[in-house]
Protein backbone atom coordinates (compact mmCIF):
# COMPACT_ATOMS: atom_id res chain seq x y z
CA UNK A 1 12.17 -15.41 -10.14
CA UNK A 2 10.66 -14.34 -6.86
CA UNK A 3 7.78 -11.91 -6.69
CA UNK A 4 7.23 -9.75 -3.64
CA UNK A 5 4.13 -7.63 -3.01
CA UNK A 6 4.04 -5.10 -0.19
CA UNK A 7 0.78 -3.41 0.78
CA UNK A 8 1.33 0.34 1.07
CA UNK A 9 -2.30 1.43 1.41
CA UNK A 10 -5.47 -0.35 2.48
CA UNK A 11 -8.31 0.34 4.88
CA UNK A 12 -6.78 -1.04 8.08
CA UNK A 13 -3.48 -0.25 9.76
CA UNK A 14 -1.35 -2.02 12.28
CA UNK A 15 -0.01 0.20 15.07
CA UNK A 16 3.18 -1.82 15.19
CA UNK A 17 4.02 -0.75 11.64
CA UNK A 18 3.18 2.96 12.20
CA UNK A 19 1.37 3.14 8.86
CA UNK A 20 -1.81 5.03 8.09
CA UNK A 21 -4.95 3.48 6.68
CA UNK A 22 -7.34 4.90 4.12
CA UNK A 23 -10.05 3.65 1.82
CA UNK A 24 -8.37 2.26 -1.30
CA UNK A 25 -5.34 0.24 -2.30
CA UNK A 26 -1.71 0.61 -3.30
CA UNK A 27 0.85 -2.18 -3.72
CA UNK A 28 4.61 -2.07 -4.26
CA UNK A 29 5.46 -5.02 -6.51
CA UNK A 30 8.94 -6.43 -7.13
CA UNK A 31 9.53 -9.12 -9.72
CA UNK A 32 12.76 -10.36 -11.22
CA UNK A 33 14.68 -7.21 -10.29
CA UNK A 34 11.96 -4.81 -11.45
CA UNK A 35 9.71 -2.63 -9.27
CA UNK A 36 6.23 -1.27 -9.97
CA UNK A 37 3.49 0.58 -8.12
CA UNK A 38 0.05 -0.97 -8.56
CA UNK A 39 -2.57 1.68 -7.73
CA UNK A 40 -1.93 4.70 -5.50
CA UNK A 41 -4.64 4.76 -2.82
CA UNK A 42 -7.04 7.60 -2.12
CA UNK A 43 -4.65 10.38 -1.09
CA UNK A 44 -0.90 10.85 -0.64
CA UNK A 45 -0.75 8.32 2.21
CA UNK A 46 1.08 5.96 -0.16
CA UNK A 47 4.18 8.18 -0.08
CA UNK A 48 4.18 8.48 3.72
CA UNK A 49 3.61 4.75 4.24
CA UNK A 50 6.37 3.87 1.77
CA UNK A 51 8.81 5.93 3.84
CA UNK A 52 7.71 4.29 7.10
CA UNK A 53 8.07 0.82 5.58
CA UNK A 54 11.44 1.56 3.97
CA UNK A 55 10.17 1.28 0.40
CA UNK A 56 12.10 3.39 -2.11
CA UNK A 57 9.47 4.64 -4.57
CA UNK A 58 12.33 5.97 -6.68
CA UNK A 59 12.92 2.38 -7.81
CA UNK A 60 9.56 2.02 -9.55
CA UNK A 61 9.74 1.66 -13.31
CA UNK A 62 6.04 2.19 -13.98
CA UNK A 63 2.71 2.81 -12.29
CA UNK A 64 -0.13 0.41 -13.07
CA UNK A 65 -3.74 1.51 -12.52
CA UNK A 66 -6.39 -1.15 -12.02
CA UNK A 67 -9.23 1.26 -12.81
CA UNK A 68 -10.21 4.92 -12.66
CA UNK A 69 -11.77 5.29 -9.22
CA UNK A 70 -10.45 7.88 -6.74
CA UNK A 71 -9.52 5.29 -4.11
CA UNK A 72 -7.07 3.64 -6.52
CA UNK A 73 -5.78 6.81 -8.25
CA UNK A 74 -6.03 9.62 -5.68
CA UNK A 75 -2.41 9.27 -4.58
CA UNK A 76 -1.09 9.58 -8.13
CA UNK A 77 -0.24 13.28 -7.88
CA UNK A 78 1.67 12.77 -4.60
CA UNK A 79 3.66 9.88 -6.11
CA UNK A 80 4.53 11.91 -9.22
CA UNK A 81 5.64 14.84 -7.06
CA UNK A 82 7.75 12.48 -4.94
CA UNK A 83 9.40 10.96 -8.01
CA UNK A 84 10.09 14.29 -9.70
CA UNK A 85 10.66 12.59 -13.05
CA UNK A 86 8.77 11.14 -15.97
CA UNK A 87 7.27 7.70 -15.57
CA UNK A 88 4.96 5.47 -17.61
CA UNK A 89 1.45 5.10 -16.17
CA UNK A 90 -0.50 2.15 -17.57
CA UNK A 91 -4.28 2.00 -17.44
CA UNK A 92 -7.34 1.19 -19.47
CA UNK A 93 -8.03 3.69 -22.29
CA UNK A 94 -11.19 4.79 -20.42
CA UNK A 95 -9.44 5.34 -17.08
CA UNK A 96 -10.24 9.08 -17.29
CA UNK A 97 -13.87 8.63 -18.30
CA UNK A 98 -16.51 9.93 -15.90
CA UNK A 99 -17.22 7.58 -13.01
CA UNK A 100 -20.26 8.21 -10.82
CA UNK A 101 -22.15 6.29 -8.17
CA UNK A 102 -25.78 6.71 -7.23
CA UNK A 103 -25.91 8.02 -3.66
CA UNK A 104 -29.43 8.37 -2.28
CA UNK A 105 -28.14 9.96 0.96
CA UNK A 106 -26.83 13.07 -0.81
CA UNK A 107 -27.93 15.70 -3.26
CA UNK A 108 -27.34 15.47 -6.13
CA UNK A 109 -28.02 11.77 -6.36
CA UNK A 110 -24.90 11.10 -8.41
CA UNK A 111 -21.49 11.44 -6.76
CA UNK A 112 -18.26 11.60 -8.78
CA UNK A 113 -15.82 8.78 -7.88
CA UNK A 114 -13.34 9.06 -10.74
CA UNK A 115 -9.74 10.22 -10.85
CA UNK A 116 -9.60 13.48 -8.87
CA UNK A 117 -7.12 15.15 -11.25
CA UNK A 118 -7.09 16.26 -14.84
CA UNK A 119 -4.93 14.22 -17.18
CA UNK A 120 -3.03 17.34 -18.22
CA UNK A 121 -2.10 18.15 -14.62
CA UNK A 122 -0.68 14.66 -14.07
CA UNK A 123 1.17 14.76 -17.39
CA UNK A 124 2.77 18.07 -16.35
CA UNK A 125 4.16 16.23 -13.30
CA UNK A 126 5.75 13.50 -15.46
CA UNK A 127 2.98 10.96 -16.06
CA UNK A 128 3.34 9.37 -19.49
CA UNK A 129 -0.02 7.67 -19.99
CA UNK A 130 -0.06 4.40 -21.91
């Protein structure tokens, strides 16, 4: 029962791997013959990096969301478009609640940092939220 975790998105990138970096995280996880995507990064970089690294996102059985911030969920639309099929997306019941951070450098003082898509939009692309 081997488990393998491959980093698809994080905030540094190695030139030798030809992958792009962005703020956020996304991991491809394989365990006992099953494959999952844990978080999706900030944008669609997860799809591009998966291709470069030879990871077949079509193998994933579910998407797992650690929490509802944009840097962990922002690539969700790109992944759903890439898959072109329905897939279970697991997250906390409040994953779509409003998430803000106090930012004294900007007006207004609160900046939205939640999921950058409406639940209905993602569901129309095949996300089956659980």
